[in-house]
Amino acid sequence: MIYKRIRSLREERNWTREDAAARLEMDAALYAAYEDGRVAIPAAFWIKLSRAYNTSIDYLLGLTDHPDPYEPPKGR
């Protein structure tokens, strides 16, 4: 499910894997390996993905079905 969400978000934007990799400043083959689930995604990359796709890490991980990004409380 996790990897399907990442692919779906990319496809909704009409990005190729190469487009996504360029936006994330990484090698396209490694991005493809992440998206296919062939390589475990490191924690720091989840943050980059959530920012690139303007969503929450919880959504990417399938913990919620609400794609809106998390907004931290003001003043903290």
PDB file of N, CA and C in Angstrom:
ATOM      1  N   MET A   1       0.809  -1.187   0.000  1.00  0.00           N
ATOM      2  CA  MET A   1       0.000   0.000   0.000  1.00  0.00           C
ATOM      3  C   MET A   1       0.859   1.260   0.000  1.00  0.00           C
ATOM      4  N   ILE A   2       1.935   1.258   0.786  1.00  0.00           N
ATOM      5  CA  ILE A   2       2.798   2.434   0.878  1.00  0.00           C
ATOM      6  C   ILE A   2       3.309   2.827  -0.501  1.00  0.00           C
ATOM      7  N   TYR A   3       3.826   1.868  -1.210  1.00  0.00           N
ATOM      8  CA  TYR A   3       4.450   2.162  -2.488  1.00  0.00           C
ATOM      9  C   TYR A   3       3.423   2.556  -3.540  1.00  0.00           C
ATOM     10  N   LYS A   4       2.212   1.994  -3.444  1.00  0.00           N
ATOM     11  CA  LYS A   4       1.140   2.388  -4.358  1.00  0.00           C
ATOM     12  C   LYS A   4       0.776   3.852  -4.158  1.00  0.00           C
ATOM     13  N   ARG A   5       0.787   4.313  -2.900  1.00  0.00           N
ATOM     14  CA  ARG A   5       0.474   5.722  -2.616  1.00  0.00           C
ATOM     15  C   ARG A   5       1.503   6.644  -3.240  1.00  0.00           C
ATOM     16  N   ILE A   6       2.758   6.285  -3.112  1.00  0.00           N
ATOM     17  CA  ILE A   6       3.814   7.125  -3.678  1.00  0.00           C
ATOM     18  C   ILE A   6       3.661   7.199  -5.188  1.00  0.00           C
ATOM     19  N   ARG A   7       3.425   6.071  -5.804  1.00  0.00           N
ATOM     20  CA  ARG A   7       3.244   6.054  -7.265  1.00  0.00           C
ATOM     21  C   ARG A   7       2.007   6.839  -7.665  1.00  0.00           C
ATOM     22  N   SER A   8       0.922   6.658  -6.942  1.00  0.00           N
ATOM     23  CA  SER A   8      -0.318   7.364  -7.246  1.00  0.00           C
ATOM     24  C   SER A   8      -0.137   8.884  -7.151  1.00  0.00           C
ATOM     25  N   LEU A   9       0.538   9.340  -6.118  1.00  0.00           N
ATOM     26  CA  LEU A   9       0.784  10.782  -5.972  1.00  0.00           C
ATOM     27  C   LEU A   9       1.616  11.313  -7.136  1.00  0.00           C
ATOM     28  N   ARG A  10       2.611  10.551  -7.548  1.00  0.00           N
ATOM     29  CA  ARG A  10       3.439  10.954  -8.690  1.00  0.00           C
ATOM     30  C   ARG A  10       2.605  11.021  -9.958  1.00  0.00           C
ATOM     31  N   GLU A  11       1.796   9.996 -10.184  1.00  0.00           N
ATOM     32  CA  GLU A  11       0.983   9.948 -11.403  1.00  0.00           C
ATOM     33  C   GLU A  11      -0.092  11.027 -11.426  1.00  0.00           C
ATOM     34  N   GLU A  12      -0.649  11.382 -10.257  1.00  0.00           N
ATOM     35  CA  GLU A  12      -1.634  12.461 -10.191  1.00  0.00           C
ATOM     36  C   GLU A  12      -1.053  13.779 -10.683  1.00  0.00           C
ATOM     37  N   ARG A  13       0.243  13.939 -10.525  1.00  0.00           N
ATOM     38  CA  ARG A  13       0.915  15.158 -10.957  1.00  0.00           C
ATOM     39  C   ARG A  13       1.432  15.056 -12.390  1.00  0.00           C
ATOM     40  N   ASN A  14       1.201  13.910 -12.997  1.00  0.00           N
ATOM     41  CA  ASN A  14       1.694  13.637 -14.351  1.00  0.00           C
ATOM     42  C   ASN A  14       3.215  13.736 -14.430  1.00  0.00           C
ATOM     43  N   TRP A  15       3.886  13.288 -13.368  1.00  0.00           N
ATOM     44  CA  TRP A  15       5.339  13.247 -13.347  1.00  0.00           C
ATOM     45  C   TRP A  15       5.792  11.852 -13.742  1.00  0.00           C
ATOM     46  N   THR A  16       6.870  11.796 -14.489  1.00  0.00           N
ATOM     47  CA  THR A  16       7.536  10.521 -14.714  1.00  0.00           C
ATOM     48  C   THR A  16       8.401  10.238 -13.490  1.00  0.00           C
ATOM     49  N   ARG A  17       8.923   9.052 -13.430  1.00  0.00           N
ATOM     50  CA  ARG A  17       9.846   8.752 -12.336  1.00  0.00           C
ATOM     51  C   ARG A  17      11.067   9.669 -12.413  1.00  0.00           C
ATOM     52  N   GLU A  18      11.484   9.970 -13.640  1.00  0.00           N
ATOM     53  CA  GLU A  18      12.623  10.860 -13.824  1.00  0.00           C
ATOM     54  C   GLU A  18      12.297  12.264 -13.323  1.00  0.00           C
ATOM     55  N   ASP A  19      11.060  12.730 -13.576  1.00  0.00           N
ATOM     56  CA  ASP A  19      10.634  14.041 -13.064  1.00  0.00           C
ATOM     57  C   ASP A  19      10.692  14.062 -11.537  1.00  0.00           C
ATOM     58  N   ALA A  20      10.137  13.037 -10.917  1.00  0.00           N
ATOM     59  CA  ALA A  20      10.117  12.966  -9.456  1.00  0.00           C
ATOM     60  C   ALA A  20      11.543  12.932  -8.906  1.00  0.00           C
ATOM     61  N   ALA A  21      12.387  12.130  -9.504  1.00  0.00           N
ATOM     62  CA  ALA A  21      13.775  12.033  -9.049  1.00  0.00           C
ATOM     63  C   ALA A  21      14.481  13.379  -9.168  1.00  0.00           C
ATOM     64  N   ALA A  22      14.256  14.085 -10.255  1.00  0.00           N
ATOM     65  CA  ALA A  22      14.880  15.404 -10.440  1.00  0.00           C
ATOM     66  C   ALA A  22      14.398  16.383  -9.372  1.00  0.00           C
ATOM     67  N   ARG A  23      13.108  16.367  -9.080  1.00  0.00           N
ATOM     68  CA  ARG A  23      12.560  17.262  -8.052  1.00  0.00           C
ATOM     69  C   ARG A  23      13.100  16.931  -6.668  1.00  0.00           C
ATOM     70  N   LEU A  24      13.399  15.659  -6.450  1.00  0.00           N
ATOM     71  CA  LEU A  24      13.928  15.206  -5.167  1.00  0.00           C
ATOM     72  C   LEU A  24      15.459  15.202  -5.138  1.00  0.00           C
ATOM     73  N   GLU A  25      16.061  15.634  -6.253  1.00  0.00           N
ATOM     74  CA  GLU A  25      17.517  15.727  -6.382  1.00  0.00           C
ATOM     75  C   GLU A  25      18.201  14.401  -6.076  1.00  0.00           C
ATOM     76  N   MET A  26      17.764  13.381  -6.812  1.00  0.00           N
ATOM     77  CA  MET A  26      18.322  12.051  -6.605  1.00  0.00           C
ATOM     78  C   MET A  26      18.382  11.290  -7.924  1.00  0.00           C
ATOM     79  N   ASP A  27      19.019  10.158  -7.899  1.00  0.00           N
ATOM     80  CA  ASP A  27      19.135   9.296  -9.059  1.00  0.00           C
ATOM     81  C   ASP A  27      17.786   8.648  -9.388  1.00  0.00           C
ATOM     82  N   ALA A  28      17.419   8.644 -10.645  1.00  0.00           N
ATOM     83  CA  ALA A  28      16.122   8.094 -11.070  1.00  0.00           C
ATOM     84  C   ALA A  28      16.009   6.596 -10.775  1.00  0.00           C
ATOM     85  N   ALA A  29      17.102   5.862 -10.907  1.00  0.00           N
ATOM     86  CA  ALA A  29      17.056   4.422 -10.634  1.00  0.00           C
ATOM     87  C   ALA A  29      16.783   4.158  -9.153  1.00  0.00           C
ATOM     88  N   LEU A  30      17.352   4.974  -8.283  1.00  0.00           N
ATOM     89  CA  LEU A  30      17.098   4.795  -6.855  1.00  0.00           C
ATOM     90  C   LEU A  30      15.659   5.171  -6.522  1.00  0.00           C
ATOM     91  N   TYR A  31      15.153   6.241  -7.136  1.00  0.00           N
ATOM     92  CA  TYR A  31      13.748   6.609  -6.906  1.00  0.00           C
ATOM     93  C   TYR A  31      12.845   5.452  -7.328  1.00  0.00           C
ATOM     94  N   ALA A  32      13.107   4.868  -8.478  1.00  0.00           N
ATOM     95  CA  ALA A  32      12.302   3.746  -8.965  1.00  0.00           C
ATOM     96  C   ALA A  32      12.368   2.572  -7.993  1.00  0.00           C
ATOM     97  N   ALA A  33      13.539   2.311  -7.444  1.00  0.00           N
ATOM     98  CA  ALA A  33      13.690   1.213  -6.482  1.00  0.00           C
ATOM     99  C   ALA A  33      12.872   1.490  -5.215  1.00  0.00           C
ATOM    100  N   TYR A  34      12.853   2.743  -4.758  1.00  0.00           N
ATOM    101  CA  TYR A  34      12.022   3.105  -3.614  1.00  0.00           C
ATOM    102  C   TYR A  34      10.547   2.907  -3.948  1.00  0.00           C
ATOM    103  N   GLU A  35      10.135   3.440  -5.091  1.00  0.00           N
ATOM    104  CA  GLU A  35       8.718   3.380  -5.467  1.00  0.00           C
ATOM    105  C   GLU A  35       8.239   1.939  -5.667  1.00  0.00           C
ATOM    106  N   ASP A  36       9.102   1.085  -6.136  1.00  0.00           N
ATOM    107  CA  ASP A  36       8.747  -0.320  -6.357  1.00  0.00           C
ATOM    108  C   ASP A  36       8.850  -1.163  -5.087  1.00  0.00           C
ATOM    109  N   GLY A  37       9.409  -0.593  -4.021  1.00  0.00           N
ATOM    110  CA  GLY A  37       9.570  -1.334  -2.784  1.00  0.00           C
ATOM    111  C   GLY A  37      10.739  -2.295  -2.797  1.00  0.00           C
ATOM    112  N   ARG A  38      11.663  -2.109  -3.730  1.00  0.00           N
ATOM    113  CA  ARG A  38      12.834  -2.985  -3.799  1.00  0.00           C
ATOM    114  C   ARG A  38      13.912  -2.574  -2.812  1.00  0.00           C
ATOM    115  N   VAL A  39      13.855  -1.319  -2.375  1.00  0.00           N
ATOM    116  CA  VAL A  39      14.827  -0.781  -1.422  1.00  0.00           C
ATOM    117  C   VAL A  39      14.046  -0.072  -0.324  1.00  0.00           C
ATOM    118  N   ALA A  40      14.427  -0.304   0.925  1.00  0.00           N
ATOM    119  CA  ALA A  40      13.763   0.363   2.051  1.00  0.00           C
ATOM    120  C   ALA A  40      14.014   1.866   1.984  1.00  0.00           C
ATOM    121  N   ILE A  41      12.978   2.625   2.259  1.00  0.00           N
ATOM    122  CA  ILE A  41      13.074   4.079   2.213  1.00  0.00           C
ATOM    123  C   ILE A  41      13.578   4.582   3.569  1.00  0.00           C
ATOM    124  N   PRO A  42      14.691   5.337   3.570  1.00  0.00           N
ATOM    125  CA  PRO A  42      15.200   5.863   4.843  1.00  0.00           C
ATOM    126  C   PRO A  42      14.287   6.960   5.393  1.00  0.00           C
ATOM    127  N   ALA A  43      14.320   7.135   6.704  1.00  0.00           N
ATOM    128  CA  ALA A  43      13.444   8.105   7.378  1.00  0.00           C
ATOM    129  C   ALA A  43      13.567   9.501   6.792  1.00  0.00           C
ATOM    130  N   ALA A  44      14.769   9.962   6.534  1.00  0.00           N
ATOM    131  CA  ALA A  44      14.957  11.316   6.003  1.00  0.00           C
ATOM    132  C   ALA A  44      14.281  11.478   4.639  1.00  0.00           C
ATOM    133  N   PHE A  45      14.212  10.391   3.879  1.00  0.00           N
ATOM    134  CA  PHE A  45      13.587  10.487   2.558  1.00  0.00           C
ATOM    135  C   PHE A  45      12.069  10.602   2.658  1.00  0.00           C
ATOM    136  N   TRP A  46      11.462  10.034   3.713  1.00  0.00           N
ATOM    137  CA  TRP A  46      10.015  10.198   3.898  1.00  0.00           C
ATOM    138  C   TRP A  46       9.674  11.678   4.023  1.00  0.00           C
ATOM    139  N   ILE A  47      10.537  12.434   4.696  1.00  0.00           N
ATOM    140  CA  ILE A  47      10.315  13.866   4.850  1.00  0.00           C
ATOM    141  C   ILE A  47      10.371  14.544   3.485  1.00  0.00           C
ATOM    142  N   LYS A  48      11.378  14.207   2.690  1.00  0.00           N
ATOM    143  CA  LYS A  48      11.485  14.791   1.347  1.00  0.00           C
ATOM    144  C   LYS A  48      10.259  14.446   0.495  1.00  0.00           C
ATOM    145  N   LEU A  49       9.812  13.192   0.581  1.00  0.00           N
ATOM    146  CA  LEU A  49       8.630  12.783  -0.180  1.00  0.00           C
ATOM    147  C   LEU A  49       7.390  13.572   0.247  1.00  0.00           C
ATOM    148  N   SER A  50       7.206  13.714   1.549  1.00  0.00           N
ATOM    149  CA  SER A  50       6.015  14.421   2.027  1.00  0.00           C
ATOM    150  C   SER A  50       6.027  15.877   1.566  1.00  0.00           C
ATOM    151  N   ARG A  51       7.195  16.482   1.544  1.00  0.00           N
ATOM    152  CA  ARG A  51       7.295  17.869   1.069  1.00  0.00           C
ATOM    153  C   ARG A  51       7.075  17.959  -0.440  1.00  0.00           C
ATOM    154  N   ALA A  52       7.660  17.048  -1.181  1.00  0.00           N
ATOM    155  CA  ALA A  52       7.519  17.070  -2.642  1.00  0.00           C
ATOM    156  C   ALA A  52       6.072  16.858  -3.069  1.00  0.00           C
ATOM    157  N   TYR A  53       5.356  15.995  -2.358  1.00  0.00           N
ATOM    158  CA  TYR A  53       3.979  15.682  -2.708  1.00  0.00           C
ATOM    159  C   TYR A  53       2.959  16.450  -1.871  1.00  0.00           C
ATOM    160  N   ASN A  54       3.461  17.351  -1.012  1.00  0.00           N
ATOM    161  CA  ASN A  54       2.598  18.212  -0.191  1.00  0.00           C
ATOM    162  C   ASN A  54       1.548  17.393   0.562  1.00  0.00           C
ATOM    163  N   THR A  55       2.041  16.406   1.290  1.00  0.00           N
ATOM    164  CA  THR A  55       1.174  15.537   2.068  1.00  0.00           C
ATOM    165  C   THR A  55       1.875  15.184   3.379  1.00  0.00           C
ATOM    166  N   SER A  56       1.211  14.433   4.211  1.00  0.00           N
ATOM    167  CA  SER A  56       1.828  14.033   5.476  1.00  0.00           C
ATOM    168  C   SER A  56       2.520  12.682   5.328  1.00  0.00           C
ATOM    169  N   ILE A  57       3.474  12.457   6.199  1.00  0.00           N
ATOM    170  CA  ILE A  57       4.126  11.152   6.226  1.00  0.00           C
ATOM    171  C   ILE A  57       3.116  10.087   6.635  1.00  0.00           C
ATOM    172  N   ASP A  58       2.193  10.441   7.520  1.00  0.00           N
ATOM    173  CA  ASP A  58       1.137   9.495   7.906  1.00  0.00           C
ATOM    174  C   ASP A  58       0.355   9.026   6.687  1.00  0.00           C
ATOM    175  N   TYR A  59       0.059   9.932   5.768  1.00  0.00           N
ATOM    176  CA  TYR A  59      -0.667   9.557   4.554  1.00  0.00           C
ATOM    177  C   TYR A  59       0.194   8.626   3.698  1.00  0.00           C
ATOM    178  N   LEU A  60       1.463   8.982   3.527  1.00  0.00           N
ATOM    179  CA  LEU A  60       2.358   8.150   2.724  1.00  0.00           C
ATOM    180  C   LEU A  60       2.468   6.734   3.286  1.00  0.00           C
ATOM    181  N   LEU A  61       2.464   6.633   4.619  1.00  0.00           N
ATOM    182  CA  LEU A  61       2.608   5.332   5.266  1.00  0.00           C
ATOM    183  C   LEU A  61       1.293   4.569   5.405  1.00  0.00           C
ATOM    184  N   GLY A  62       0.196   5.178   4.994  1.00  0.00           N
ATOM    185  CA  GLY A  62      -1.094   4.500   5.073  1.00  0.00           C
ATOM    186  C   GLY A  62      -1.732   4.552   6.448  1.00  0.00           C
ATOM    187  N   LEU A  63      -1.251   5.449   7.322  1.00  0.00           N
ATOM    188  CA  LEU A  63      -1.816   5.570   8.664  1.00  0.00           C
ATOM    189  C   LEU A  63      -3.081   6.419   8.685  1.00  0.00           C
ATOM    190  N   THR A  64      -3.289   7.181   7.622  1.00  0.00           N
ATOM    191  CA  THR A  64      -4.499   7.989   7.468  1.00  0.00           C
ATOM    192  C   THR A  64      -4.866   8.020   5.996  1.00  0.00           C
ATOM    193  N   ASP A  65      -6.125   8.276   5.727  1.00  0.00           N
ATOM    194  CA  ASP A  65      -6.565   8.429   4.343  1.00  0.00           C
ATOM    195  C   ASP A  65      -6.744   9.897   3.982  1.00  0.00           C
ATOM    196  N   HIS A  66      -6.316  10.783   4.871  1.00  0.00           N
ATOM    197  CA  HIS A  66      -6.408  12.222   4.639  1.00  0.00           C
ATOM    198  C   HIS A  66      -5.064  12.733   4.143  1.00  0.00           C
ATOM    199  N   PRO A  67      -4.989  13.149   2.884  1.00  0.00           N
ATOM    200  CA  PRO A  67      -3.699  13.537   2.306  1.00  0.00           C
ATOM    201  C   PRO A  67      -3.188  14.923   2.715  1.00  0.00           C
ATOM    202  N   ASP A  68      -3.997  15.702   3.442  1.00  0.00           N
ATOM    203  CA  ASP A  68      -3.553  17.047   3.796  1.00  0.00           C
ATOM    204  C   ASP A  68      -2.296  16.985   4.650  1.00  0.00           C
ATOM    205  N   PRO A  69      -1.345  17.893   4.373  1.00  0.00           N
ATOM    206  CA  PRO A  69      -0.119  17.892   5.184  1.00  0.00           C
ATOM    207  C   PRO A  69      -0.400  18.325   6.613  1.00  0.00           C
ATOM    208  N   TYR A  70       0.415  17.860   7.509  1.00  0.00           N
ATOM    209  CA  TYR A  70       0.303  18.199   8.923  1.00  0.00           C
ATOM    210  C   TYR A  70       0.786  19.629   9.131  1.00  0.00           C
ATOM    211  N   GLU A  71       0.028  20.396   9.873  1.00  0.00           N
ATOM    212  CA  GLU A  71       0.413  21.751  10.234  1.00  0.00           C
ATOM    213  C   GLU A  71       0.690  21.788  11.732  1.00  0.00           C
ATOM    214  N   PRO A  72       1.945  22.036  12.125  1.00  0.00           N
ATOM    215  CA  PRO A  72       2.228  22.093  13.559  1.00  0.00           C
ATOM    216  C   PRO A  72       1.531  23.275  14.211  1.00  0.00           C
ATOM    217  N   PRO A  73       1.241  23.171  15.490  1.00  0.00           N
ATOM    218  CA  PRO A  73       0.605  24.290  16.195  1.00  0.00           C
ATOM    219  C   PRO A  73       1.476  25.537  16.147  1.00  0.00           C
ATOM    220  N   LYS A  74       0.860  26.683  16.026  1.00  0.00           N
ATOM    221  CA  LYS A  74       1.606  27.942  15.991  1.00  0.00           C
ATOM    222  C   LYS A  74       2.208  28.226  17.360  1.00  0.00           C
ATOM    223  N   GLY A  75       3.366  28.882  17.363  1.00  0.00           N
ATOM    224  CA  GLY A  75       4.006  29.269  18.603  1.00  0.00           C
ATOM    225  C   GLY A  75       4.867  28.213  19.243  1.00  0.00           C
ATOM    226  N   ARG A  76       5.132  27.127  18.538  1.00  0.00           N
ATOM    227  CA  ARG A  76       5.998  26.064  19.112  1.00  0.00           C
ATOM    228  C   ARG A  76       7.257  25.948  18.320  1.00  0.00           C
TER     229      ARG A  76
END
